[in-house]
Amino acid sequence: MAHYAIIDHNNIVTQVFVGKDENDPLPPEYSSWEQYYCPPNAKACLRTSYNTVENKHKNGGIPFRKNYAGIGYTYDWQRDAFIPPKPVETYILDEETCNWKPQE
Protein backbone atom coordinates (compact mmCIF):
# COMPACT_ATOMS: atom_id res chain seq x y z
CA MET A 1 0.00 0.00 0.00
CA ALA A 2 1.35 3.39 -1.02
CA HIS A 3 0.12 6.92 -0.48
CA TYR A 4 0.01 9.61 -3.15
CA ALA A 5 -0.58 13.37 -3.18
CA ILE A 6 -2.06 15.37 -6.05
CA ILE A 7 -0.27 18.71 -6.50
CA ASP A 8 -1.96 21.65 -8.26
CA HIS A 9 -0.22 24.27 -10.39
CA ASN A 10 0.45 26.39 -7.28
CA ASN A 11 2.30 23.43 -5.70
CA ILE A 12 -0.50 22.91 -3.17
CA VAL A 13 -1.67 19.43 -2.17
CA THR A 14 -5.33 19.05 -3.14
CA GLN A 15 -5.80 15.34 -2.46
CA VAL A 16 -4.05 12.49 -0.62
CA PHE A 17 -5.06 8.88 -1.20
CA VAL A 18 -4.01 5.24 -0.95
CA GLY A 19 -2.94 3.63 -4.21
CA LYS A 20 -0.92 0.81 -5.67
CA ASP A 21 2.49 -0.02 -4.25
CA GLU A 22 5.42 1.06 -6.40
CA ASN A 23 6.38 -2.60 -6.93
CA ASP A 24 2.96 -3.59 -8.34
CA PRO A 25 2.93 -4.17 -12.11
CA LEU A 26 2.13 -1.03 -14.10
CA PRO A 27 -0.03 -0.78 -17.20
CA PRO A 28 2.48 -0.80 -20.09
CA GLU A 29 1.82 2.80 -21.18
CA TYR A 30 2.98 4.26 -17.82
CA SER A 31 6.45 4.62 -16.34
CA SER A 32 5.32 5.02 -12.71
CA TRP A 33 2.25 4.93 -10.48
CA GLU A 34 2.73 8.67 -9.99
CA GLN A 35 2.25 9.16 -13.72
CA TYR A 36 -0.71 6.75 -13.75
CA TYR A 37 -2.57 8.57 -10.96
CA CYS A 38 -1.84 12.14 -12.12
CA PRO A 39 -5.04 13.77 -13.40
CA PRO A 40 -4.75 15.97 -16.51
CA ASN A 41 -5.52 19.19 -14.61
CA ALA A 42 -2.81 18.63 -11.94
CA LYS A 43 0.85 19.59 -11.97
CA ALA A 44 1.95 16.29 -10.46
CA CYS A 45 1.12 13.24 -8.41
CA LEU A 46 3.82 12.34 -5.88
CA ARG A 47 4.37 9.53 -3.43
CA THR A 48 4.22 10.45 0.22
CA SER A 49 5.22 8.43 3.26
CA TYR A 50 2.60 7.94 5.97
CA ASN A 51 5.44 7.19 8.40
CA THR A 52 7.48 10.36 7.79
CA VAL A 53 7.02 13.32 10.14
CA GLU A 54 9.48 16.20 10.52
CA ASN A 55 12.12 14.37 8.49
CA LYS A 56 12.02 11.29 10.72
CA HIS A 57 10.58 7.89 9.93
CA LYS A 58 8.30 6.64 12.73
CA ASN A 59 9.59 3.07 12.38
CA GLY A 60 13.28 3.91 12.08
CA GLY A 61 13.32 3.71 8.28
CA ILE A 62 14.50 6.31 5.83
CA PRO A 63 12.38 9.50 5.91
CA PHE A 64 10.75 10.45 2.61
CA ARG A 65 9.92 14.01 1.49
CA LYS A 66 10.27 15.39 5.05
CA ASN A 67 6.55 15.08 5.98
CA TYR A 68 3.49 13.04 5.09
CA ALA A 69 1.45 15.20 2.72
CA GLY A 70 -1.81 16.76 3.83
CA ILE A 71 -4.43 18.75 1.97
CA GLY A 72 -3.27 22.36 1.92
CA TYR A 73 0.43 21.47 2.30
CA THR A 74 2.88 22.98 -0.18
CA TYR A 75 5.27 20.79 -2.14
CA ASP A 76 8.71 22.38 -2.38
CA TRP A 77 10.49 21.02 -5.46
CA GLN A 78 13.97 22.21 -4.42
CA ARG A 79 13.75 20.65 -0.95
CA ASP A 80 11.76 17.63 -2.21
CA ALA A 81 9.50 18.23 0.79
CA PHE A 82 5.89 18.53 1.81
CA ILE A 83 5.53 21.61 4.04
CA PRO A 84 2.44 22.19 6.19
CA PRO A 85 0.61 25.52 6.10
CA LYS A 86 2.23 28.22 8.22
CA PRO A 87 0.26 28.30 11.50
CA VAL A 88 1.39 31.76 12.66
CA GLU A 89 2.76 34.52 10.44
CA THR A 90 5.84 35.05 12.63
CA TYR A 91 6.94 31.39 12.51
CA ILE A 92 10.01 30.45 10.46
CA LEU A 93 10.69 27.31 8.47
CA ASP A 94 13.02 24.78 10.09
CA GLU A 95 15.13 23.61 7.15
CA GLU A 96 15.88 20.23 8.76
CA THR A 97 12.27 19.23 9.48
CA CYS A 98 10.47 21.41 6.90
CA ASN A 99 8.03 22.36 9.61
CA TRP A 100 7.29 25.73 11.17
CA LYS A 101 8.68 26.89 14.52
CA PRO A 102 8.56 30.09 16.57
CA GLN A 103 11.40 32.54 16.07
CA GLU A 104 13.97 32.36 18.85
PDB file of N, CA and C in Angstrom:
ATOM      1  N   MET A   1       0.849  -1.168   0.000  1.00  0.00           N
ATOM      2  CA  MET A   1       0.000   0.000   0.000  1.00  0.00           C
ATOM      3  C   MET A   1       0.897   1.234   0.000  1.00  0.00           C
ATOM      4  N   ALA A   2       0.591   2.154  -0.904  1.00  0.00           N
ATOM      5  CA  ALA A   2       1.351   3.391  -1.015  1.00  0.00           C
ATOM      6  C   ALA A   2       0.387   4.569  -0.948  1.00  0.00           C
ATOM      7  N   HIS A   3       0.909   5.710  -0.552  1.00  0.00           N
ATOM      8  CA  HIS A   3       0.115   6.923  -0.479  1.00  0.00           C
ATOM      9  C   HIS A   3       0.629   7.917  -1.521  1.00  0.00           C
ATOM     10  N   TYR A   4      -0.309   8.660  -2.086  1.00  0.00           N
ATOM     11  CA  TYR A   4       0.007   9.608  -3.145  1.00  0.00           C
ATOM     12  C   TYR A   4      -0.661  10.943  -2.855  1.00  0.00           C
ATOM     13  N   ALA A   5      -0.040  12.015  -3.339  1.00  0.00           N
ATOM     14  CA  ALA A   5      -0.585  13.366  -3.183  1.00  0.00           C
ATOM     15  C   ALA A   5      -0.705  14.003  -4.564  1.00  0.00           C
ATOM     16  N   ILE A   6      -1.860  14.611  -4.816  1.00  0.00           N
ATOM     17  CA  ILE A   6      -2.060  15.374  -6.048  1.00  0.00           C
ATOM     18  C   ILE A   6      -1.649  16.820  -5.766  1.00  0.00           C
ATOM     19  N   ILE A   7      -0.812  17.366  -6.646  1.00  0.00           N
ATOM     20  CA  ILE A   7      -0.266  18.706  -6.505  1.00  0.00           C
ATOM     21  C   ILE A   7      -0.841  19.587  -7.610  1.00  0.00           C
ATOM     22  N   ASP A   8      -1.416  20.748  -7.230  1.00  0.00           N
ATOM     23  CA  ASP A   8      -1.963  21.645  -8.256  1.00  0.00           C
ATOM     24  C   ASP A   8      -0.848  22.534  -8.827  1.00  0.00           C
ATOM     25  N   HIS A   9      -1.220  23.435  -9.720  1.00  0.00           N
ATOM     26  CA  HIS A   9      -0.218  24.273 -10.392  1.00  0.00           C
ATOM     27  C   HIS A   9       0.378  25.358  -9.493  1.00  0.00           C
ATOM     28  N   ASN A  10      -0.150  25.492  -8.284  1.00  0.00           N
ATOM     29  CA  ASN A  10       0.447  26.392  -7.283  1.00  0.00           C
ATOM     30  C   ASN A  10       1.282  25.616  -6.272  1.00  0.00           C
ATOM     31  N   ASN A  11       1.523  24.337  -6.556  1.00  0.00           N
ATOM     32  CA  ASN A  11       2.299  23.432  -5.701  1.00  0.00           C
ATOM     33  C   ASN A  11       1.609  23.137  -4.370  1.00  0.00           C
ATOM     34  N   ILE A  12       0.287  23.204  -4.349  1.00  0.00           N
ATOM     35  CA  ILE A  12      -0.501  22.914  -3.167  1.00  0.00           C
ATOM     36  C   ILE A  12      -1.108  21.519  -3.294  1.00  0.00           C
ATOM     37  N   VAL A  13      -1.073  20.767  -2.198  1.00  0.00           N
ATOM     38  CA  VAL A  13      -1.673  19.428  -2.174  1.00  0.00           C
ATOM     39  C   VAL A  13      -3.189  19.585  -2.118  1.00  0.00           C
ATOM     40  N   THR A  14      -3.870  18.969  -3.084  1.00  0.00           N
ATOM     41  CA  THR A  14      -5.331  19.052  -3.136  1.00  0.00           C
ATOM     42  C   THR A  14      -6.005  17.743  -2.765  1.00  0.00           C
ATOM     43  N   GLN A  15      -5.230  16.647  -2.776  1.00  0.00           N
ATOM     44  CA  GLN A  15      -5.797  15.337  -2.460  1.00  0.00           C
ATOM     45  C   GLN A  15      -4.681  14.402  -2.023  1.00  0.00           C
ATOM     46  N   VAL A  16      -4.972  13.537  -1.057  1.00  0.00           N
ATOM     47  CA  VAL A  16      -4.055  12.487  -0.623  1.00  0.00           C
ATOM     48  C   VAL A  16      -4.865  11.201  -0.581  1.00  0.00           C
ATOM     49  N   PHE A  17      -4.305  10.124  -1.124  1.00  0.00           N
ATOM     50  CA  PHE A  17      -5.062   8.875  -1.195  1.00  0.00           C
ATOM     51  C   PHE A  17      -4.132   7.662  -1.177  1.00  0.00           C
ATOM     52  N   VAL A  18      -4.727   6.519  -0.921  1.00  0.00           N
ATOM     53  CA  VAL A  18      -4.010   5.243  -0.949  1.00  0.00           C
ATOM     54  C   VAL A  18      -4.106   4.687  -2.362  1.00  0.00           C
ATOM     55  N   GLY A  19      -2.978   4.206  -2.866  1.00  0.00           N
ATOM     56  CA  GLY A  19      -2.942   3.634  -4.210  1.00  0.00           C
ATOM     57  C   GLY A  19      -2.086   2.389  -4.247  1.00  0.00           C
ATOM     58  N   LYS A  20      -1.740   1.996  -5.449  1.00  0.00           N
ATOM     59  CA  LYS A  20      -0.920   0.806  -5.671  1.00  0.00           C
ATOM     60  C   LYS A  20       0.495   1.017  -5.150  1.00  0.00           C
ATOM     61  N   ASP A  21       1.103  -0.055  -4.683  1.00  0.00           N
ATOM     62  CA  ASP A  21       2.489  -0.023  -4.245  1.00  0.00           C
ATOM     63  C   ASP A  21       3.388   0.132  -5.461  1.00  0.00           C
ATOM     64  N   GLU A  22       4.520   0.797  -5.268  1.00  0.00           N
ATOM     65  CA  GLU A  22       5.425   1.056  -6.399  1.00  0.00           C
ATOM     66  C   GLU A  22       5.952  -0.221  -7.057  1.00  0.00           C
ATOM     67  N   ASN A  23       5.894  -1.346  -6.363  1.00  0.00           N
ATOM     68  CA  ASN A  23       6.378  -2.604  -6.931  1.00  0.00           C
ATOM     69  C   ASN A  23       5.293  -3.384  -7.676  1.00  0.00           C
ATOM     70  N   ASP A  24       4.039  -2.929  -7.605  1.00  0.00           N
ATOM     71  CA  ASP A  24       2.958  -3.591  -8.342  1.00  0.00           C
ATOM     72  C   ASP A  24       3.156  -3.366  -9.838  1.00  0.00           C
ATOM     73  N   PRO A  25       2.758  -4.335 -10.661  1.00  0.00           N
ATOM     74  CA  PRO A  25       2.928  -4.170 -12.113  1.00  0.00           C
ATOM     75  C   PRO A  25       2.116  -2.985 -12.647  1.00  0.00           C
ATOM     76  N   LEU A  26       2.749  -2.208 -13.483  1.00  0.00           N
ATOM     77  CA  LEU A  26       2.127  -1.034 -14.101  1.00  0.00           C
ATOM     78  C   LEU A  26       1.473  -1.388 -15.430  1.00  0.00           C
ATOM     79  N   PRO A  27       0.426  -0.665 -15.817  1.00  0.00           N
ATOM     80  CA  PRO A  27      -0.032  -0.784 -17.202  1.00  0.00           C
ATOM     81  C   PRO A  27       1.122  -0.371 -18.122  1.00  0.00           C
ATOM     82  N   PRO A  28       1.283  -1.006 -19.255  1.00  0.00           N
ATOM     83  CA  PRO A  28       2.476  -0.799 -20.094  1.00  0.00           C
ATOM     84  C   PRO A  28       2.696   0.635 -20.578  1.00  0.00           C
ATOM     85  N   GLU A  29       1.653   1.436 -20.659  1.00  0.00           N
ATOM     86  CA  GLU A  29       1.816   2.797 -21.182  1.00  0.00           C
ATOM     87  C   GLU A  29       2.293   3.803 -20.132  1.00  0.00           C
ATOM     88  N   TYR A  30       2.544   3.361 -18.893  1.00  0.00           N
ATOM     89  CA  TYR A  30       2.976   4.262 -17.817  1.00  0.00           C
ATOM     90  C   TYR A  30       4.355   3.868 -17.301  1.00  0.00           C
ATOM     91  N   SER A  31       5.111   4.886 -16.873  1.00  0.00           N
ATOM     92  CA  SER A  31       6.451   4.616 -16.343  1.00  0.00           C
ATOM     93  C   SER A  31       6.474   4.574 -14.816  1.00  0.00           C
ATOM     94  N   SER A  32       5.388   5.037 -14.170  1.00  0.00           N
ATOM     95  CA  SER A  32       5.316   5.021 -12.710  1.00  0.00           C
ATOM     96  C   SER A  32       3.860   5.118 -12.281  1.00  0.00           C
ATOM     97  N   TRP A  33       3.600   4.750 -11.020  1.00  0.00           N
ATOM     98  CA  TRP A  33       2.250   4.925 -10.481  1.00  0.00           C
ATOM     99  C   TRP A  33       1.936   6.406 -10.314  1.00  0.00           C
ATOM    100  N   GLU A  34       2.948   7.226 -10.072  1.00  0.00           N
ATOM    101  CA  GLU A  34       2.734   8.671  -9.988  1.00  0.00           C
ATOM    102  C   GLU A  34       2.172   9.201 -11.310  1.00  0.00           C
ATOM    103  N   GLN A  35       2.745   8.757 -12.399  1.00  0.00           N
ATOM    104  CA  GLN A  35       2.246   9.158 -13.721  1.00  0.00           C
ATOM    105  C   GLN A  35       0.828   8.616 -13.947  1.00  0.00           C
ATOM    106  N   TYR A  36       0.598   7.386 -13.576  1.00  0.00           N
ATOM    107  CA  TYR A  36      -0.706   6.746 -13.753  1.00  0.00           C
ATOM    108  C   TYR A  36      -1.815   7.515 -13.014  1.00  0.00           C
ATOM    109  N   TYR A  37      -1.557   7.923 -11.786  1.00  0.00           N
ATOM    110  CA  TYR A  37      -2.573   8.574 -10.959  1.00  0.00           C
ATOM    111  C   TYR A  37      -2.722  10.075 -11.213  1.00  0.00           C
ATOM    112  N   CYS A  38      -1.808  10.688 -11.937  1.00  0.00           N
ATOM    113  CA  CYS A  38      -1.839  12.142 -12.119  1.00  0.00           C
ATOM    114  C   CYS A  38      -2.982  12.549 -13.055  1.00  0.00           C
ATOM    115  N   PRO A  39      -3.950  13.315 -12.532  1.00  0.00           N
ATOM    116  CA  PRO A  39      -5.040  13.768 -13.400  1.00  0.00           C
ATOM    117  C   PRO A  39      -4.541  14.843 -14.370  1.00  0.00           C
ATOM    118  N   PRO A  40      -5.222  15.011 -15.501  1.00  0.00           N
ATOM    119  CA  PRO A  40      -4.752  15.973 -16.514  1.00  0.00           C
ATOM    120  C   PRO A  40      -4.685  17.419 -16.024  1.00  0.00           C
ATOM    121  N   ASN A  41      -5.506  17.794 -15.063  1.00  0.00           N
ATOM    122  CA  ASN A  41      -5.521  19.186 -14.606  1.00  0.00           C
ATOM    123  C   ASN A  41      -4.541  19.454 -13.460  1.00  0.00           C
ATOM    124  N   ALA A  42      -3.763  18.474 -13.050  1.00  0.00           N
ATOM    125  CA  ALA A  42      -2.811  18.634 -11.939  1.00  0.00           C
ATOM    126  C   ALA A  42      -1.403  18.870 -12.472  1.00  0.00           C
ATOM    127  N   LYS A  43      -0.561  19.428 -11.621  1.00  0.00           N
ATOM    128  CA  LYS A  43       0.851  19.595 -11.972  1.00  0.00           C
ATOM    129  C   LYS A  43       1.591  18.273 -11.806  1.00  0.00           C
ATOM    130  N   ALA A  44       1.243  17.535 -10.736  1.00  0.00           N
ATOM    131  CA  ALA A  44       1.953  16.289 -10.461  1.00  0.00           C
ATOM    132  C   ALA A  44       1.171  15.431  -9.479  1.00  0.00           C
ATOM    133  N   CYS A  45       1.545  14.180  -9.440  1.00  0.00           N
ATOM    134  CA  CYS A  45       1.120  13.243  -8.409  1.00  0.00           C
ATOM    135  C   CYS A  45       2.409  12.679  -7.832  1.00  0.00           C
ATOM    136  N   LEU A  46       2.576  12.760  -6.514  1.00  0.00           N
ATOM    137  CA  LEU A  46       3.825  12.339  -5.880  1.00  0.00           C
ATOM    138  C   LEU A  46       3.559  11.382  -4.739  1.00  0.00           C
ATOM    139  N   ARG A  47       4.456  10.424  -4.581  1.00  0.00           N
ATOM    140  CA  ARG A  47       4.375   9.525  -3.426  1.00  0.00           C
ATOM    141  C   ARG A  47       4.627  10.309  -2.161  1.00  0.00           C
ATOM    142  N   THR A  48       4.002   9.859  -1.091  1.00  0.00           N
ATOM    143  CA  THR A  48       4.223  10.446   0.220  1.00  0.00           C
ATOM    144  C   THR A  48       4.275   9.318   1.236  1.00  0.00           C
ATOM    145  N   SER A  49       5.037   9.484   2.274  1.00  0.00           N
ATOM    146  CA  SER A  49       5.216   8.430   3.262  1.00  0.00           C
ATOM    147  C   SER A  49       4.392   8.712   4.513  1.00  0.00           C
ATOM    148  N   TYR A  50       3.448   7.832   4.792  1.00  0.00           N
ATOM    149  CA  TYR A  50       2.597   7.936   5.969  1.00  0.00           C
ATOM    150  C   TYR A  50       3.426   7.938   7.254  1.00  0.00           C
ATOM    151  N   ASN A  51       4.593   7.329   7.208  1.00  0.00           N
ATOM    152  CA  ASN A  51       5.436   7.188   8.397  1.00  0.00           C
ATOM    153  C   ASN A  51       6.495   8.277   8.552  1.00  0.00           C
ATOM    154  N   THR A  52       6.477   9.294   7.694  1.00  0.00           N
ATOM    155  CA  THR A  52       7.476  10.357   7.792  1.00  0.00           C
ATOM    156  C   THR A  52       6.856  11.618   8.371  1.00  0.00           C
ATOM    157  N   VAL A  53       7.449  12.087   9.471  1.00  0.00           N
ATOM    158  CA  VAL A  53       7.022  13.322  10.135  1.00  0.00           C
ATOM    159  C   VAL A  53       8.275  14.086  10.550  1.00  0.00           C
ATOM    160  N   GLU A  54       8.344  15.344  10.177  1.00  0.00           N
ATOM    161  CA  GLU A  54       9.483  16.201  10.520  1.00  0.00           C
ATOM    162  C   GLU A  54      10.830  15.554  10.194  1.00  0.00           C
ATOM    163  N   ASN A  55      10.904  14.993   9.022  1.00  0.00           N
ATOM    164  CA  ASN A  55      12.119  14.371   8.488  1.00  0.00           C
ATOM    165  C   ASN A  55      12.624  13.188   9.316  1.00  0.00           C
ATOM    166  N   LYS A  56      11.690  12.518   9.991  1.00  0.00           N
ATOM    167  CA  LYS A  56      12.017  11.294  10.722  1.00  0.00           C
ATOM    168  C   LYS A  56      10.992  10.234  10.357  1.00  0.00           C
ATOM    169  N   HIS A  57      11.472   9.019  10.210  1.00  0.00           N
ATOM    170  CA  HIS A  57      10.582   7.892   9.934  1.00  0.00           C
ATOM    171  C   HIS A  57      10.151   7.285  11.259  1.00  0.00           C
ATOM    172  N   LYS A  58       8.842   7.142  11.459  1.00  0.00           N
ATOM    173  CA  LYS A  58       8.297   6.644  12.728  1.00  0.00           C
ATOM    174  C   LYS A  58       8.829   5.271  13.115  1.00  0.00           C
ATOM    175  N   ASN A  59       9.144   4.441  12.111  1.00  0.00           N
ATOM    176  CA  ASN A  59       9.587   3.070  12.379  1.00  0.00           C
ATOM    177  C   ASN A  59      11.087   2.890  12.213  1.00  0.00           C
ATOM    178  N   GLY A  60      11.829   3.994  12.195  1.00  0.00           N
ATOM    179  CA  GLY A  60      13.280   3.908  12.081  1.00  0.00           C
ATOM    180  C   GLY A  60      13.789   3.754  10.667  1.00  0.00           C
ATOM    181  N   GLY A  61      12.901   3.819   9.681  1.00  0.00           N
ATOM    182  CA  GLY A  61      13.319   3.714   8.282  1.00  0.00           C
ATOM    183  C   GLY A  61      13.876   5.032   7.772  1.00  0.00           C
ATOM    184  N   ILE A  62      13.988   5.107   6.476  1.00  0.00           N
ATOM    185  CA  ILE A  62      14.504   6.312   5.834  1.00  0.00           C
ATOM    186  C   ILE A  62      13.347   7.288   5.616  1.00  0.00           C
ATOM    187  N   PRO A  63      13.455   8.528   6.116  1.00  0.00           N
ATOM    188  CA  PRO A  63      12.383   9.497   5.906  1.00  0.00           C
ATOM    189  C   PRO A  63      12.251   9.848   4.424  1.00  0.00           C
ATOM    190  N   PHE A  64      11.034  10.198   4.017  1.00  0.00           N
ATOM    191  CA  PHE A  64      10.750  10.453   2.608  1.00  0.00           C
ATOM    192  C   PHE A  64       9.987  11.760   2.468  1.00  0.00           C
ATOM    193  N   ARG A  65      10.534  12.717   1.784  1.00  0.00           N
ATOM    194  CA  ARG A  65       9.921  14.011   1.489  1.00  0.00           C
ATOM    195  C   ARG A  65       9.532  14.787   2.747  1.00  0.00           C
ATOM    196  N   LYS A  66      10.322  14.628   3.781  1.00  0.00           N
ATOM    197  CA  LYS A  66      10.273  15.395   5.045  1.00  0.00           C
ATOM    198  C   LYS A  66       9.007  15.198   5.872  1.00  0.00           C
ATOM    199  N   ASN A  67       7.809  15.208   5.251  1.00  0.00           N
ATOM    200  CA  ASN A  67       6.546  15.077   5.977  1.00  0.00           C
ATOM    201  C   ASN A  67       5.534  14.332   5.119  1.00  0.00           C
ATOM    202  N   TYR A  68       4.638  13.633   5.779  1.00  0.00           N
ATOM    203  CA  TYR A  68       3.491  13.043   5.087  1.00  0.00           C
ATOM    204  C   TYR A  68       2.633  14.194   4.576  1.00  0.00           C
ATOM    205  N   ALA A  69       2.238  14.127   3.329  1.00  0.00           N
ATOM    206  CA  ALA A  69       1.447  15.202   2.719  1.00  0.00           C
ATOM    207  C   ALA A  69       0.069  15.303   3.354  1.00  0.00           C
ATOM    208  N   GLY A  70      -0.445  16.499   3.389  1.00  0.00           N
ATOM    209  CA  GLY A  70      -1.806  16.757   3.832  1.00  0.00           C
ATOM    210  C   GLY A  70      -2.440  17.772   2.899  1.00  0.00           C
ATOM    211  N   ILE A  71      -3.751  17.774   2.811  1.00  0.00           N
ATOM    212  CA  ILE A  71      -4.431  18.752   1.973  1.00  0.00           C
ATOM    213  C   ILE A  71      -4.072  20.143   2.486  1.00  0.00           C
ATOM    214  N   GLY A  72      -3.682  21.007   1.567  1.00  0.00           N
ATOM    215  CA  GLY A  72      -3.267  22.357   1.919  1.00  0.00           C
ATOM    216  C   GLY A  72      -1.766  22.509   2.119  1.00  0.00           C
ATOM    217  N   TYR A  73      -1.031  21.397   2.193  1.00  0.00           N
ATOM    218  CA  TYR A  73       0.427  21.470   2.296  1.00  0.00           C
ATOM    219  C   TYR A  73       0.981  21.988   0.969  1.00  0.00           C
ATOM    220  N   THR A  74       2.174  22.551   1.021  1.00  0.00           N
ATOM    221  CA  THR A  74       2.884  22.976  -0.177  1.00  0.00           C
ATOM    222  C   THR A  74       3.971  21.946  -0.478  1.00  0.00           C
ATOM    223  N   TYR A  75       4.137  21.640  -1.760  1.00  0.00           N
ATOM    224  CA  TYR A  75       5.267  20.793  -2.139  1.00  0.00           C
ATOM    225  C   TYR A  75       6.378  21.700  -2.635  1.00  0.00           C
ATOM    226  N   ASP A  76       7.551  21.599  -2.013  1.00  0.00           N
ATOM    227  CA  ASP A  76       8.713  22.384  -2.384  1.00  0.00           C
ATOM    228  C   ASP A  76       9.625  21.504  -3.237  1.00  0.00           C
ATOM    229  N   TRP A  77       9.738  21.842  -4.509  1.00  0.00           N
ATOM    230  CA  TRP A  77      10.494  21.023  -5.461  1.00  0.00           C
ATOM    231  C   TRP A  77      11.979  21.029  -5.152  1.00  0.00           C
ATOM    232  N   GLN A  78      12.536  22.146  -4.706  1.00  0.00           N
ATOM    233  CA  GLN A  78      13.969  22.209  -4.420  1.00  0.00           C
ATOM    234  C   GLN A  78      14.331  21.381  -3.188  1.00  0.00           C
ATOM    235  N   ARG A  79      13.485  21.411  -2.177  1.00  0.00           N
ATOM    236  CA  ARG A  79      13.747  20.649  -0.949  1.00  0.00           C
ATOM    237  C   ARG A  79      13.235  19.217  -1.049  1.00  0.00           C
ATOM    238  N   ASP A  80      12.448  18.918  -2.080  1.00  0.00           N
ATOM    239  CA  ASP A  80      11.755  17.627  -2.211  1.00  0.00           C
ATOM    240  C   ASP A  80      11.019  17.338  -0.907  1.00  0.00           C
ATOM    241  N   ALA A  81      10.142  18.297  -0.523  1.00  0.00           N
ATOM    242  CA  ALA A  81       9.504  18.227   0.792  1.00  0.00           C
ATOM    243  C   ALA A  81       8.060  18.716   0.748  1.00  0.00           C
ATOM    244  N   PHE A  82       7.234  18.049   1.543  1.00  0.00           N
ATOM    245  CA  PHE A  82       5.889  18.532   1.807  1.00  0.00           C
ATOM    246  C   PHE A  82       5.962  19.405   3.061  1.00  0.00           C
ATOM    247  N   ILE A  83       5.452  20.644   2.945  1.00  0.00           N
ATOM    248  CA  ILE A  83       5.531  21.607   4.039  1.00  0.00           C
ATOM    249  C   ILE A  83       4.110  21.984   4.453  1.00  0.00           C
ATOM    250  N   PRO A  84       3.792  21.842   5.741  1.00  0.00           N
ATOM    251  CA  PRO A  84       2.439  22.191   6.192  1.00  0.00           C
ATOM    252  C   PRO A  84       2.187  23.693   6.079  1.00  0.00           C
ATOM    253  N   PRO A  85       0.919  24.082   6.106  1.00  0.00           N
ATOM    254  CA  PRO A  85       0.614  25.522   6.101  1.00  0.00           C
ATOM    255  C   PRO A  85       1.230  26.206   7.320  1.00  0.00           C
ATOM    256  N   LYS A  86       1.623  27.442   7.140  1.00  0.00           N
ATOM    257  CA  LYS A  86       2.229  28.220   8.221  1.00  0.00           C
ATOM    258  C   LYS A  86       1.147  28.552   9.255  1.00  0.00           C
ATOM    259  N   PRO A  87       1.321  28.098  10.510  1.00  0.00           N
ATOM    260  CA  PRO A  87       0.263  28.299  11.504  1.00  0.00           C
ATOM    261  C   PRO A  87       0.174  29.726  12.042  1.00  0.00           C
ATOM    262  N   VAL A  88       1.320  30.395  12.124  1.00  0.00           N
ATOM    263  CA  VAL A  88       1.388  31.758  12.655  1.00  0.00           C
ATOM    264  C   VAL A  88       2.345  32.534  11.754  1.00  0.00           C
ATOM    265  N   GLU A  89       1.970  33.734  11.385  1.00  0.00           N
ATOM    266  CA  GLU A  89       2.759  34.523  10.438  1.00  0.00           C
ATOM    267  C   GLU A  89       4.215  34.704  10.872  1.00  0.00           C
ATOM    268  N   THR A  90       4.468  34.792  12.151  1.00  0.00           N
ATOM    269  CA  THR A  90       5.835  35.050  12.627  1.00  0.00           C
ATOM    270  C   THR A  90       6.710  33.791  12.699  1.00  0.00           C
ATOM    271  N   TYR A  91       6.139  32.617  12.474  1.00  0.00           N
ATOM    272  CA  TYR A  91       6.941  31.387  12.510  1.00  0.00           C
ATOM    273  C   TYR A  91       7.918  31.364  11.334  1.00  0.00           C
ATOM    274  N   ILE A  92       9.015  30.621  11.522  1.00  0.00           N
ATOM    275  CA  ILE A  92      10.008  30.452  10.464  1.00  0.00           C
ATOM    276  C   ILE A  92      10.124  28.964  10.131  1.00  0.00           C
ATOM    277  N   LEU A  93      10.564  28.696   8.920  1.00  0.00           N
ATOM    278  CA  LEU A  93      10.695  27.314   8.471  1.00  0.00           C
ATOM    279  C   LEU A  93      11.981  26.698   9.002  1.00  0.00           C
ATOM    280  N   ASP A  94      11.862  25.565   9.656  1.00  0.00           N
ATOM    281  CA  ASP A  94      13.016  24.779  10.092  1.00  0.00           C
ATOM    282  C   ASP A  94      13.464  23.967   8.873  1.00  0.00           C
ATOM    283  N   GLU A  95      14.634  24.257   8.375  1.00  0.00           N
ATOM    284  CA  GLU A  95      15.126  23.607   7.147  1.00  0.00           C
ATOM    285  C   GLU A  95      15.320  22.097   7.315  1.00  0.00           C
ATOM    286  N   GLU A  96      15.643  21.654   8.511  1.00  0.00           N
ATOM    287  CA  GLU A  96      15.875  20.231   8.759  1.00  0.00           C
ATOM    288  C   GLU A  96      14.575  19.432   8.736  1.00  0.00           C
ATOM    289  N   THR A  97      13.531  19.968   9.355  1.00  0.00           N
ATOM    290  CA  THR A  97      12.272  19.235   9.475  1.00  0.00           C
ATOM    291  C   THR A  97      11.233  19.654   8.436  1.00  0.00           C
ATOM    292  N   CYS A  98      11.453  20.805   7.810  1.00  0.00           N
ATOM    293  CA  CYS A  98      10.470  21.410   6.903  1.00  0.00           C
ATOM    294  C   CYS A  98       9.126  21.564   7.597  1.00  0.00           C
ATOM    295  N   ASN A  99       9.202  22.006   8.850  1.00  0.00           N
ATOM    296  CA  ASN A  99       8.027  22.362   9.607  1.00  0.00           C
ATOM    297  C   ASN A  99       8.260  23.754  10.195  1.00  0.00           C
ATOM    298  N   TRP A 100       7.217  24.371  10.673  1.00  0.00           N
ATOM    299  CA  TRP A 100       7.289  25.731  11.173  1.00  0.00           C
ATOM    300  C   TRP A 100       7.584  25.747  12.674  1.00  0.00           C
ATOM    301  N   LYS A 101       8.362  26.751  13.094  1.00  0.00           N
ATOM    302  CA  LYS A 101       8.680  26.888  14.516  1.00  0.00           C
ATOM    303  C   LYS A 101       8.706  28.379  14.866  1.00  0.00           C
ATOM    304  N   PRO A 102       8.487  28.683  16.154  1.00  0.00           N
ATOM    305  CA  PRO A 102       8.562  30.092  16.569  1.00  0.00           C
ATOM    306  C   PRO A 102       9.979  30.630  16.410  1.00  0.00           C
ATOM    307  N   GLN A 103      10.073  31.914  16.127  1.00  0.00           N
ATOM    308  CA  GLN A 103      11.395  32.539  16.075  1.00  0.00           C
ATOM    309  C   GLN A 103      12.000  32.547  17.461  1.00  0.00           C
ATOM    310  N   GLU A 104      13.287  32.354  17.530  1.00  0.00           N
ATOM    311  CA  GLU A 104      13.971  32.357  18.846  1.00  0.00           C
ATOM    312  C   GLU A 104      14.489  33.723  19.184  1.00  0.00           C
TER     313      GLU A 104
END
